[in-house]
PDB file of N, CA and C in Angstrom:
ATOM      1  N   MET A   1      -2.328 -12.072 -33.065  1.00  0.00           N
ATOM      2  CA  MET A   1      -2.889 -11.431 -31.991  1.00  0.00           C
ATOM      3  C   MET A   1      -1.949 -10.841 -31.156  1.00  0.00           C
ATOM      4  N   ASN A   2      -2.491  -9.847 -30.923  1.00  0.00           N
ATOM      5  CA  ASN A   2      -1.086  -9.898 -29.798  1.00  0.00           C
ATOM      6  C   ASN A   2      -1.736  -9.907 -27.783  1.00  0.00           C
ATOM      7  N   CYS A   3      -0.323 -10.800 -27.572  1.00  0.00           N
ATOM      8  CA  CYS A   3      -0.843 -11.358 -26.149  1.00  0.00           C
ATOM      9  C   CYS A   3      -0.001 -11.258 -25.225  1.00  0.00           C
ATOM     10  N   PHE A   4      -0.114  -8.983 -25.021  1.00  0.00           N
ATOM     11  CA  PHE A   4       0.539  -8.136 -24.405  1.00  0.00           C
ATOM     12  C   PHE A   4      -0.026  -8.254 -23.023  1.00  0.00           C
ATOM     13  N   LYS A   5       1.045  -7.594 -21.800  1.00  0.00           N
ATOM     14  CA  LYS A   5      -0.302  -7.428 -20.401  1.00  0.00           C
ATOM     15  C   LYS A   5       0.683  -6.734 -19.848  1.00  0.00           C
ATOM     16  N   PHE A   6      -0.158  -5.726 -19.313  1.00  0.00           N
ATOM     17  CA  PHE A   6       0.796  -4.330 -18.288  1.00  0.00           C
ATOM     18  C   PHE A   6       0.753  -5.899 -17.418  1.00  0.00           C
ATOM     19  N   ALA A   7       2.157  -5.108 -16.527  1.00  0.00           N
ATOM     20  CA  ALA A   7       2.720  -5.572 -15.149  1.00  0.00           C
ATOM     21  C   ALA A   7       1.594  -5.911 -14.287  1.00  0.00           C
ATOM     22  N   VAL A   8       1.120  -6.081 -13.516  1.00  0.00           N
ATOM     23  CA  VAL A   8       0.459  -5.902 -12.121  1.00  0.00           C
ATOM     24  C   VAL A   8       0.772  -5.789 -10.953  1.00  0.00           C
ATOM     25  N   ILE A   9      -0.565  -4.929 -10.605  1.00  0.00           N
ATOM     26  CA  ILE A   9       0.278  -3.620  -9.369  1.00  0.00           C
ATOM     27  C   ILE A   9      -0.670  -4.303  -8.268  1.00  0.00           C
ATOM     28  N   ASN A  10      -0.448  -4.307  -7.266  1.00  0.00           N
ATOM     29  CA  ASN A  10      -1.014  -4.842  -5.749  1.00  0.00           C
ATOM     30  C   ASN A  10      -2.395  -3.025  -5.713  1.00  0.00           C
ATOM     31  N   PRO A  11      -4.120  -4.012  -5.863  1.00  0.00           N
ATOM     32  CA  PRO A  11      -4.574  -2.338  -5.639  1.00  0.00           C
ATOM     33  C   PRO A  11      -4.676  -1.949  -4.285  1.00  0.00           C
ATOM     34  N   LEU A  12      -4.586  -3.268  -3.257  1.00  0.00           N
ATOM     35  CA  LEU A  12      -4.989  -2.675  -1.692  1.00  0.00           C
ATOM     36  C   LEU A  12      -3.686  -1.465  -1.669  1.00  0.00           C
ATOM     37  N   LEU A  13      -2.414  -1.635  -1.986  1.00  0.00           N
ATOM     38  CA  LEU A  13      -1.281  -0.830  -2.001  1.00  0.00           C
ATOM     39  C   LEU A  13      -1.286   0.561  -2.820  1.00  0.00           C
ATOM     40  N   HIS A  14      -2.312   0.416  -4.040  1.00  0.00           N
ATOM     41  CA  HIS A  14      -2.351   1.776  -4.498  1.00  0.00           C
ATOM     42  C   HIS A  14      -3.407   2.462  -4.305  1.00  0.00           C
ATOM     43  N   SER A  15      -3.759   2.663  -3.077  1.00  0.00           N
ATOM     44  CA  SER A  15      -4.364   3.664  -1.906  1.00  0.00           C
ATOM     45  C   SER A  15      -3.177   4.667  -1.929  1.00  0.00           C
ATOM     46  N   GLU A  16      -3.230   5.828  -2.158  1.00  0.00           N
ATOM     47  CA  GLU A  16      -1.954   7.098  -1.684  1.00  0.00           C
ATOM     48  C   GLU A  16      -2.151   6.752   0.048  1.00  0.00           C
ATOM     49  N   LEU A  17      -3.013   6.649   0.369  1.00  0.00           N
ATOM     50  CA  LEU A  17      -3.029   6.436   2.430  1.00  0.00           C
ATOM     51  C   LEU A  17      -2.222   5.028   3.213  1.00  0.00           C
ATOM     52  N   ARG A  18      -2.441   4.600   2.025  1.00  0.00           N
ATOM     53  CA  ARG A  18      -1.772   2.881   2.328  1.00  0.00           C
ATOM     54  C   ARG A  18      -0.892   2.746   2.195  1.00  0.00           C
ATOM     55  N   LEU A  19      -0.789   3.234   1.090  1.00  0.00           N
ATOM     56  CA  LEU A  19       1.519   2.970   0.176  1.00  0.00           C
ATOM     57  C   LEU A  19       2.272   3.429   1.332  1.00  0.00           C
ATOM     58  N   LYS A  20       1.328   5.015   2.029  1.00  0.00           N
ATOM     59  CA  LYS A  20       1.698   5.820   2.832  1.00  0.00           C
ATOM     60  C   LYS A  20       2.559   5.072   3.694  1.00  0.00           C
ATOM     61  N   ILE A  21       1.393   4.740   4.196  1.00  0.00           N
ATOM     62  CA  ILE A  21       1.622   3.886   6.202  1.00  0.00           C
ATOM     63  C   ILE A  21       2.183   2.607   5.493  1.00  0.00           C
ATOM     64  N   MET A  22       2.716   2.283   4.734  1.00  0.00           N
ATOM     65  CA  MET A  22       3.432   0.858   4.364  1.00  0.00           C
ATOM     66  C   MET A  22       5.106   1.661   4.329  1.00  0.00           C
ATOM     67  N   VAL A  23       5.402   2.629   3.402  1.00  0.00           N
ATOM     68  CA  VAL A  23       6.448   2.978   3.168  1.00  0.00           C
ATOM     69  C   VAL A  23       6.904   3.643   4.413  1.00  0.00           C
ATOM     70  N   ALA A  24       6.002   4.253   5.524  1.00  0.00           N
ATOM     71  CA  ALA A  24       6.618   4.605   6.580  1.00  0.00           C
ATOM     72  C   ALA A  24       6.916   3.205   7.638  1.00  0.00           C
ATOM     73  N   LEU A  25       6.170   2.424   7.338  1.00  0.00           N
ATOM     74  CA  LEU A  25       6.922   1.369   8.071  1.00  0.00           C
ATOM     75  C   LEU A  25       7.751   0.648   8.252  1.00  0.00           C
ATOM     76  N   ASP A  26       7.690   0.312   6.631  1.00  0.00           N
ATOM     77  CA  ASP A  26       9.482   0.001   5.596  1.00  0.00           C
ATOM     78  C   ASP A  26      10.426  -0.238   6.463  1.00  0.00           C
ATOM     79  N   SER A  27      10.078   1.666   7.048  1.00  0.00           N
ATOM     80  CA  SER A  27      11.715   2.708   7.155  1.00  0.00           C
ATOM     81  C   SER A  27      11.315   3.000   8.146  1.00  0.00           C
ATOM     82  N   LEU A  28      10.818   1.955   9.619  1.00  0.00           N
ATOM     83  CA  LEU A  28      10.697   2.492  10.755  1.00  0.00           C
ATOM     84  C   LEU A  28      10.256   0.660  11.188  1.00  0.00           C
ATOM     85  N   GLU A  29      10.628   1.107  12.660  1.00  0.00           N
ATOM     86  CA  GLU A  29      11.034  -0.275  14.182  1.00  0.00           C
ATOM     87  C   GLU A  29       9.271  -0.357  14.036  1.00  0.00           C
ATOM     88  N   SER A  30       8.811   1.003  14.482  1.00  0.00           N
ATOM     89  CA  SER A  30       7.506   0.850  14.751  1.00  0.00           C
ATOM     90  C   SER A  30       7.079   2.355  14.323  1.00  0.00           C
ATOM     91  N   ALA A  31       5.738   2.481  14.587  1.00  0.00           N
ATOM     92  CA  ALA A  31       5.107   3.864  14.326  1.00  0.00           C
ATOM     93  C   ALA A  31       3.928   3.396  15.193  1.00  0.00           C
ATOM     94  N   ASP A  32       3.714   4.724  15.971  1.00  0.00           N
ATOM     95  CA  ASP A  32       1.811   5.060  17.129  1.00  0.00           C
ATOM     96  C   ASP A  32       1.362   5.192  16.114  1.00  0.00           C
ATOM     97  N   PHE A  33       0.234   5.445  16.176  1.00  0.00           N
ATOM     98  CA  PHE A  33      -1.113   6.404  15.750  1.00  0.00           C
ATOM     99  C   PHE A  33      -0.731   7.011  15.322  1.00  0.00           C
ATOM    100  N   MET A  34      -1.123   8.199  16.651  1.00  0.00           N
ATOM    101  CA  MET A  34      -0.656   9.680  16.323  1.00  0.00           C
ATOM    102  C   MET A  34       0.351   9.870  15.264  1.00  0.00           C
ATOM    103  N   TYR A  35       1.816   9.074  15.569  1.00  0.00           N
ATOM    104  CA  TYR A  35       3.267   9.656  14.738  1.00  0.00           C
ATOM    105  C   TYR A  35       2.656   9.883  12.906  1.00  0.00           C
ATOM    106  N   LEU A  36       1.689   8.620  12.233  1.00  0.00           N
ATOM    107  CA  LEU A  36       1.328   8.438  11.803  1.00  0.00           C
ATOM    108  C   LEU A  36       0.056   9.094  10.853  1.00  0.00           C
ATOM    109  N   TYR A  37      -0.292   9.658  12.179  1.00  0.00           N
ATOM    110  CA  TYR A  37      -1.805  10.847  11.926  1.00  0.00           C
ATOM    111  C   TYR A  37      -0.708  11.525  11.063  1.00  0.00           C
ATOM    112  N   GLN A  38       0.601  12.453  11.588  1.00  0.00           N
ATOM    113  CA  GLN A  38       0.803  13.867  11.545  1.00  0.00           C
ATOM    114  C   GLN A  38       1.994  13.401   9.944  1.00  0.00           C
ATOM    115  N   ILE A  39       2.008  12.229   9.470  1.00  0.00           N
ATOM    116  CA  ILE A  39       2.392  12.445   8.737  1.00  0.00           C
ATOM    117  C   ILE A  39       2.180  12.131   7.625  1.00  0.00           C
ATOM    118  N   THR A  40       1.136  11.421   8.035  1.00  0.00           N
ATOM    119  CA  THR A  40       0.244  10.925   6.693  1.00  0.00           C
ATOM    120  C   THR A  40      -1.047  12.469   6.093  1.00  0.00           C
ATOM    121  N   ASP A  41      -0.925  13.182   6.666  1.00  0.00           N
ATOM    122  CA  ASP A  41      -2.047  13.733   6.123  1.00  0.00           C
ATOM    123  C   ASP A  41      -3.274  13.606   6.359  1.00  0.00           C
ATOM    124  N   SER A  42      -3.366  13.025   7.117  1.00  0.00           N
ATOM    125  CA  SER A  42      -5.193  11.835   6.818  1.00  0.00           C
ATOM    126  C   SER A  42      -5.669  12.835   8.117  1.00  0.00           C
ATOM    127  N   THR A  43      -7.035  12.569   7.665  1.00  0.00           N
ATOM    128  CA  THR A  43      -8.015  12.278   8.794  1.00  0.00           C
ATOM    129  C   THR A  43      -8.148  11.386  10.226  1.00  0.00           C
ATOM    130  N   ARG A  44      -8.304  11.625  10.928  1.00  0.00           N
ATOM    131  CA  ARG A  44      -7.734   9.687  12.347  1.00  0.00           C
ATOM    132  C   ARG A  44      -9.076   9.391  11.629  1.00  0.00           C
ATOM    133  N   GLY A  45     -10.461   9.380  11.448  1.00  0.00           N
ATOM    134  CA  GLY A  45     -10.970   7.886  10.859  1.00  0.00           C
ATOM    135  C   GLY A  45     -10.763   7.194   9.395  1.00  0.00           C
ATOM    136  N   ASN A  46      -9.984   8.224   8.375  1.00  0.00           N
ATOM    137  CA  ASN A  46      -9.924   7.476   7.495  1.00  0.00           C
ATOM    138  C   ASN A  46      -8.522   6.839   7.983  1.00  0.00           C
ATOM    139  N   LEU A  47      -7.122   7.080   8.543  1.00  0.00           N
ATOM    140  CA  LEU A  47      -5.986   6.377   9.123  1.00  0.00           C
ATOM    141  C   LEU A  47      -6.414   4.777   9.450  1.00  0.00           C
ATOM    142  N   SER A  48      -7.331   4.976  10.455  1.00  0.00           N
ATOM    143  CA  SER A  48      -8.115   4.132  11.119  1.00  0.00           C
ATOM    144  C   SER A  48      -8.619   3.060  10.376  1.00  0.00           C
ATOM    145  N   THR A  49      -9.801   3.346   8.685  1.00  0.00           N
ATOM    146  CA  THR A  49      -9.700   2.551   8.352  1.00  0.00           C
ATOM    147  C   THR A  49      -8.753   1.817   7.356  1.00  0.00           C
ATOM    148  N   GLN A  50      -8.137   3.014   7.304  1.00  0.00           N
ATOM    149  CA  GLN A  50      -6.621   2.614   6.013  1.00  0.00           C
ATOM    150  C   GLN A  50      -6.044   1.022   6.961  1.00  0.00           C
ATOM    151  N   ILE A  51      -5.467   1.322   8.067  1.00  0.00           N
ATOM    152  CA  ILE A  51      -4.946   0.462   9.184  1.00  0.00           C
ATOM    153  C   ILE A  51      -5.606  -1.140   9.205  1.00  0.00           C
ATOM    154  N   THR A  52      -6.715  -0.552   9.871  1.00  0.00           N
ATOM    155  CA  THR A  52      -7.381  -2.332   9.680  1.00  0.00           C
ATOM    156  C   THR A  52      -7.967  -2.893   8.078  1.00  0.00           C
ATOM    157  N   THR A  53      -7.697  -2.124   6.919  1.00  0.00           N
ATOM    158  CA  THR A  53      -7.689  -3.026   5.936  1.00  0.00           C
ATOM    159  C   THR A  53      -6.127  -3.362   5.810  1.00  0.00           C
ATOM    160  N   LEU A  54      -5.059  -2.808   6.279  1.00  0.00           N
ATOM    161  CA  LEU A  54      -3.874  -3.303   6.459  1.00  0.00           C
ATOM    162  C   LEU A  54      -3.791  -4.774   6.830  1.00  0.00           C
ATOM    163  N   LYS A  55      -3.960  -4.621   8.515  1.00  0.00           N
ATOM    164  CA  LYS A  55      -4.138  -5.383   9.110  1.00  0.00           C
ATOM    165  C   LYS A  55      -5.060  -6.440   8.678  1.00  0.00           C
ATOM    166  N   ASP A  56      -6.094  -6.391   8.201  1.00  0.00           N
ATOM    167  CA  ASP A  56      -7.019  -7.503   7.829  1.00  0.00           C
ATOM    168  C   ASP A  56      -5.804  -8.446   6.803  1.00  0.00           C
ATOM    169  N   ALA A  57      -5.448  -7.630   5.852  1.00  0.00           N
ATOM    170  CA  ALA A  57      -4.663  -8.232   4.988  1.00  0.00           C
ATOM    171  C   ALA A  57      -3.187  -8.710   5.118  1.00  0.00           C
ATOM    172  N   GLY A  58      -2.747  -9.116   6.316  1.00  0.00           N
ATOM    173  CA  GLY A  58      -2.559  -9.097   7.064  1.00  0.00           C
ATOM    174  C   GLY A  58      -0.753  -8.553   6.992  1.00  0.00           C
ATOM    175  N   TYR A  59      -0.722  -7.229   6.403  1.00  0.00           N
ATOM    176  CA  TYR A  59       0.477  -6.877   6.152  1.00  0.00           C
ATOM    177  C   TYR A  59       1.176  -6.072   6.928  1.00  0.00           C
ATOM    178  N   ILE A  60       0.860  -5.835   8.023  1.00  0.00           N
ATOM    179  CA  ILE A  60       0.759  -4.975   9.733  1.00  0.00           C
ATOM    180  C   ILE A  60       0.461  -5.376  10.504  1.00  0.00           C
ATOM    181  N   ASP A  61       0.987  -5.588  11.777  1.00  0.00           N
ATOM    182  CA  ASP A  61       0.398  -5.815  13.340  1.00  0.00           C
ATOM    183  C   ASP A  61       0.593  -5.068  13.794  1.00  0.00           C
ATOM    184  N   VAL A  62      -1.227  -4.784  13.978  1.00  0.00           N
ATOM    185  CA  VAL A  62      -1.234  -3.407  15.348  1.00  0.00           C
ATOM    186  C   VAL A  62      -1.879  -4.420  17.106  1.00  0.00           C
ATOM    187  N   SER A  63      -0.762  -3.473  17.676  1.00  0.00           N
ATOM    188  CA  SER A  63      -1.393  -3.469  19.018  1.00  0.00           C
ATOM    189  C   SER A  63      -1.242  -2.505  19.846  1.00  0.00           C
ATOM    190  N   LYS A  64      -2.130  -2.627  20.960  1.00  0.00           N
ATOM    191  CA  LYS A  64      -2.568  -1.815  21.693  1.00  0.00           C
ATOM    192  C   LYS A  64      -2.081  -1.701  22.757  1.00  0.00           C
ATOM    193  N   SER A  65      -1.866  -0.839  23.473  1.00  0.00           N
ATOM    194  CA  SER A  65      -0.842  -0.735  24.998  1.00  0.00           C
ATOM    195  C   SER A  65      -1.454   0.355  25.705  1.00  0.00           C
ATOM    196  N   GLY A  66      -1.010   0.103  27.415  1.00  0.00           N
ATOM    197  CA  GLY A  66      -1.025   1.004  28.396  1.00  0.00           C
ATOM    198  C   GLY A  66      -2.450   2.390  27.833  1.00  0.00           C
ATOM    199  N   SER A  67      -2.215   3.428  28.477  1.00  0.00           N
ATOM    200  CA  SER A  67      -3.526   4.197  28.006  1.00  0.00           C
ATOM    201  C   SER A  67      -2.955   5.742  29.043  1.00  0.00           C
ATOM    202  N   THR A  68      -2.604   5.808  27.759  1.00  0.00           N
ATOM    203  CA  THR A  68      -2.705   8.048  27.524  1.00  0.00           C
ATOM    204  C   THR A  68      -3.715   8.887  27.230  1.00  0.00           C
ATOM    205  N   GLY A  69      -4.671   8.791  28.411  1.00  0.00           N
ATOM    206  CA  GLY A  69      -5.626  10.258  28.555  1.00  0.00           C
ATOM    207  C   GLY A  69      -7.173   9.110  29.169  1.00  0.00           C
ATOM    208  N   ARG A  70      -7.357   9.359  28.058  1.00  0.00           N
ATOM    209  CA  ARG A  70      -8.703   8.184  27.682  1.00  0.00           C
ATOM    210  C   ARG A  70      -8.598   7.413  26.999  1.00  0.00           C
ATOM    211  N   PHE A  71      -7.230   7.051  26.031  1.00  0.00           N
ATOM    212  CA  PHE A  71      -6.882   6.541  24.578  1.00  0.00           C
ATOM    213  C   PHE A  71      -5.536   5.814  24.815  1.00  0.00           C
ATOM    214  N   SER A  72      -5.947   4.050  24.364  1.00  0.00           N
ATOM    215  CA  SER A  72      -4.960   3.012  24.954  1.00  0.00           C
ATOM    216  C   SER A  72      -3.764   3.953  23.169  1.00  0.00           C
ATOM    217  N   ARG A  73      -2.811   3.095  24.138  1.00  0.00           N
ATOM    218  CA  ARG A  73      -1.839   3.782  22.320  1.00  0.00           C
ATOM    219  C   ARG A  73      -1.657   3.060  21.029  1.00  0.00           C
ATOM    220  N   THR A  74      -2.506   2.964  20.129  1.00  0.00           N
ATOM    221  CA  THR A  74      -1.834   1.726  19.528  1.00  0.00           C
ATOM    222  C   THR A  74      -0.506   2.391  18.479  1.00  0.00           C
ATOM    223  N   VAL A  75       0.920   0.936  18.469  1.00  0.00           N
ATOM    224  CA  VAL A  75       1.152   1.030  17.622  1.00  0.00           C
ATOM    225  C   VAL A  75       1.382   0.066  16.692  1.00  0.00           C
ATOM    226  N   CYS A  76       1.539  -0.108  15.479  1.00  0.00           N
ATOM    227  CA  CYS A  76       1.742  -1.012  13.632  1.00  0.00           C
ATOM    228  C   CYS A  76       3.182  -1.044  13.808  1.00  0.00           C
ATOM    229  N   ARG A  77       2.703  -2.466  13.087  1.00  0.00           N
ATOM    230  CA  ARG A  77       4.038  -2.504  12.865  1.00  0.00           C
ATOM    231  C   ARG A  77       4.221  -3.364  11.428  1.00  0.00           C
ATOM    232  N   ILE A  78       4.875  -2.652  10.374  1.00  0.00           N
ATOM    233  CA  ILE A  78       4.713  -4.066   9.018  1.00  0.00           C
ATOM    234  C   ILE A  78       5.195  -5.339   8.816  1.00  0.00           C
ATOM    235  N   THR A  79       4.457  -6.581   8.510  1.00  0.00           N
ATOM    236  CA  THR A  79       4.803  -7.682   8.811  1.00  0.00           C
ATOM    237  C   THR A  79       5.982  -8.383   7.602  1.00  0.00           C
ATOM    238  N   ASN A  80       5.799  -9.252   8.116  1.00  0.00           N
ATOM    239  CA  ASN A  80       7.063 -10.223   6.561  1.00  0.00           C
ATOM    240  C   ASN A  80       6.322 -10.314   5.156  1.00  0.00           C
ATOM    241  N   ARG A  81       4.909 -10.544   5.286  1.00  0.00           N
ATOM    242  CA  ARG A  81       4.047 -10.362   4.252  1.00  0.00           C
ATOM    243  C   ARG A  81       3.944  -9.613   3.797  1.00  0.00           C
ATOM    244  N   GLY A  82       3.837  -8.027   4.631  1.00  0.00           N
ATOM    245  CA  GLY A  82       3.917  -6.279   4.219  1.00  0.00           C
ATOM    246  C   GLY A  82       5.319  -6.462   3.726  1.00  0.00           C
ATOM    247  N   ARG A  83       6.040  -6.574   4.086  1.00  0.00           N
ATOM    248  CA  ARG A  83       7.086  -5.416   3.179  1.00  0.00           C
ATOM    249  C   ARG A  83       7.140  -6.902   1.817  1.00  0.00           C
ATOM    250  N   GLU A  84       7.213  -7.909   1.779  1.00  0.00           N
ATOM    251  CA  GLU A  84       6.951  -8.886   0.411  1.00  0.00           C
ATOM    252  C   GLU A  84       6.613  -7.563  -0.581  1.00  0.00           C
ATOM    253  N   ALA A  85       4.228  -7.770   0.068  1.00  0.00           N
ATOM    254  CA  ALA A  85       3.958  -6.710  -1.292  1.00  0.00           C
ATOM    255  C   ALA A  85       4.697  -5.969  -1.544  1.00  0.00           C
ATOM    256  N   LEU A  86       5.113  -5.191  -0.556  1.00  0.00           N
ATOM    257  CA  LEU A  86       5.152  -3.504  -1.117  1.00  0.00           C
ATOM    258  C   LEU A  86       7.019  -3.519  -1.827  1.00  0.00           C
ATOM    259  N   LYS A  87       7.838  -4.294  -1.284  1.00  0.00           N
ATOM    260  CA  LYS A  87       8.308  -4.629  -2.181  1.00  0.00           C
ATOM    261  C   LYS A  87       8.057  -5.414  -3.504  1.00  0.00           C
ATOM    262  N   ALA A  88       7.291  -6.178  -3.750  1.00  0.00           N
ATOM    263  CA  ALA A  88       6.676  -6.455  -5.184  1.00  0.00           C
ATOM    264  C   ALA A  88       6.082  -5.668  -5.783  1.00  0.00           C
ATOM    265  N   TYR A  89       4.868  -4.026  -5.762  1.00  0.00           N
ATOM    266  CA  TYR A  89       4.355  -3.301  -5.555  1.00  0.00           C
ATOM    267  C   TYR A  89       4.811  -2.294  -6.346  1.00  0.00           C
ATOM    268  N   GLU A  90       6.685  -2.104  -5.848  1.00  0.00           N
ATOM    269  CA  GLU A  90       7.260  -1.128  -6.242  1.00  0.00           C
ATOM    270  C   GLU A  90       8.191  -1.172  -8.046  1.00  0.00           C
ATOM    271  N   GLU A  91       8.702  -2.881  -7.826  1.00  0.00           N
ATOM    272  CA  GLU A  91       9.142  -3.249  -9.107  1.00  0.00           C
ATOM    273  C   GLU A  91       8.310  -3.531 -10.388  1.00  0.00           C
ATOM    274  N   GLY A  92       7.037  -3.735  -9.560  1.00  0.00           N
ATOM    275  CA  GLY A  92       5.523  -4.093 -10.298  1.00  0.00           C
ATOM    276  C   GLY A  92       5.598  -2.379 -11.141  1.00  0.00           C
ATOM    277  N   LEU A  93       5.757  -1.682 -10.834  1.00  0.00           N
ATOM    278  CA  LEU A  93       5.690   0.072 -10.732  1.00  0.00           C
ATOM    279  C   LEU A  93       6.427   0.357 -11.918  1.00  0.00           C
ATOM    280  N   ARG A  94       7.292   0.122 -10.874  1.00  0.00           N
ATOM    281  CA  ARG A  94       9.036  -0.473 -11.832  1.00  0.00           C
ATOM    282  C   ARG A  94       9.036  -0.313 -13.814  1.00  0.00           C
ATOM    283  N   ARG A  95       8.188  -1.725 -13.805  1.00  0.00           N
ATOM    284  CA  ARG A  95       8.241  -2.887 -14.606  1.00  0.00           C
ATOM    285  C   ARG A  95       6.924  -1.855 -15.204  1.00  0.00           C
ATOM    286  N   LEU A  96       6.154  -1.099 -15.055  1.00  0.00           N
ATOM    287  CA  LEU A  96       5.037  -1.036 -16.079  1.00  0.00           C
ATOM    288  C   LEU A  96       5.509   0.144 -16.305  1.00  0.00           C
ATOM    289  N   PHE A  97       6.326   1.323 -15.527  1.00  0.00           N
ATOM    290  CA  PHE A  97       6.918   2.541 -16.094  1.00  0.00           C
ATOM    291  C   PHE A  97       8.066   2.056 -17.476  1.00  0.00           C
ATOM    292  N   SER A  98       8.531   0.863 -17.330  1.00  0.00           N
ATOM    293  CA  SER A  98       9.793   0.051 -18.423  1.00  0.00           C
ATOM    294  C   SER A  98       8.834  -0.887 -19.517  1.00  0.00           C
ATOM    295  N   GLU A  99       7.990  -1.128 -18.970  1.00  0.00           N
ATOM    296  CA  GLU A  99       7.430  -2.286 -20.285  1.00  0.00           C
ATOM    297  C   GLU A  99       7.563  -1.149 -21.500  1.00  0.00           C
ATOM    298  N   GLN A 100       7.700  -1.872 -22.746  1.00  0.00           N
ATOM    299  CA  GLN A 100       7.293  -1.448 -24.194  1.00  0.00           C
ATOM    300  C   GLN A 100       6.228  -1.599 -24.586  1.00  0.00           C
ATOM    301  N   VAL A 101       5.326  -1.281 -25.329  1.00  0.00           N
ATOM    302  CA  VAL A 101       4.050  -1.066 -25.174  1.00  0.00           C
ATOM    303  C   VAL A 101       4.144  -2.163 -27.056  1.00  0.00           C
ATOM    304  N   PRO A 102       3.901  -2.643 -27.214  1.00  0.00           N
ATOM    305  CA  PRO A 102       3.530  -3.341 -28.875  1.00  0.00           C
ATOM    306  C   PRO A 102       3.290  -2.551 -29.420  1.00  0.00           C
ATOM    307  N   GLN A 103       3.184  -1.667 -30.905  1.00  0.00           N
ATOM    308  CA  GLN A 103       2.067  -1.598 -31.711  1.00  0.00           C
ATOM    309  C   GLN A 103       1.168  -2.350 -31.713  1.00  0.00           C
ATOM    310  N   GLN A 104       0.108  -1.071 -32.438  1.00  0.00           N
ATOM    311  CA  GLN A 104      -1.542  -1.747 -32.292  1.00  0.00           C
ATOM    312  C   GLN A 104      -1.643  -2.675 -33.806  1.00  0.00           C
ATOM    313  N   ASP A 105      -1.611  -4.106 -33.160  1.00  0.00           N
ATOM    314  CA  ASP A 105      -1.818  -4.579 -34.978  1.00  0.00           C
ATOM    315  C   ASP A 105      -3.234  -4.380 -35.557  1.00  0.00           C
ATOM    316  N   GLU A 106      -2.611  -4.288 -36.689  1.00  0.00           N
ATOM    317  CA  GLU A 106      -3.910  -3.081 -37.631  1.00  0.00           C
ATOM    318  C   GLU A 106      -5.158  -4.028 -38.062  1.00  0.00           C
ATOM    319  N   SER A 107      -4.957  -5.218 -37.730  1.00  0.00           N
ATOM    320  CA  SER A 107      -6.027  -6.366 -37.816  1.00  0.00           C
ATOM    321  C   SER A 107      -7.057  -6.648 -36.531  1.00  0.00           C
ATOM    322  N   THR A 108      -6.073  -5.815 -35.836  1.00  0.00           N
ATOM    323  CA  THR A 108      -7.356  -6.038 -34.529  1.00  0.00           C
ATOM    324  C   THR A 108      -7.725  -4.569 -34.503  1.00  0.00           C
ATOM    325  N   THR A 109      -7.397  -3.889 -35.099  1.00  0.00           N
ATOM    326  CA  THR A 109      -8.345  -2.216 -35.016  1.00  0.00           C
ATOM    327  C   THR A 109     -10.079  -2.855 -35.377  1.00  0.00           C
ATOM    328  N   MET A 110     -10.839  -1.385 -33.802  1.00  0.00           N
ATOM    329  CA  MET A 110     -11.462  -1.963 -34.450  1.00  0.00           C
ATOM    330  C   MET A 110     -12.308  -0.716 -35.110  1.00  0.00           C
ATOM    331  N   THR A 111     -13.409  -0.510 -36.173  1.00  0.00           N
ATOM    332  CA  THR A 111     -14.196   0.456 -36.310  1.00  0.00           C
ATOM    333  C   THR A 111     -15.061   0.766 -35.659  1.00  0.00           C
ATOM    334  N   GLY A 112     -15.690   1.822 -35.745  1.00  0.00           N
ATOM    335  CA  GLY A 112     -16.652   2.715 -34.408  1.00  0.00           C
ATOM    336  C   GLY A 112     -18.235   2.775 -35.875  1.00  0.00           C
TER     337      GLY A 112
END
């Protein structure tokens, strides 16, 4: 019996928008909501939802400050936990693409 298993990748970071947010924050000291909105080509509602998801996971910190017109300024920063998760996600993808899947054992072939 074959015990091969694919590398595990973090499903939380596998979302395209959450991944874009994390990659942006990994390369910046911080980014405000409007900047992330512009570079991710997202809707405001979806971006807000994904930021909350990342914040709840402990991957980013979110702070609100001052007021620009009717709204406060929302600023996001990646946490150490978020950086580690992003690095592990990248390594998992690399392993996934480089893995050699073993040949199927004929004794485990199911017939229909």
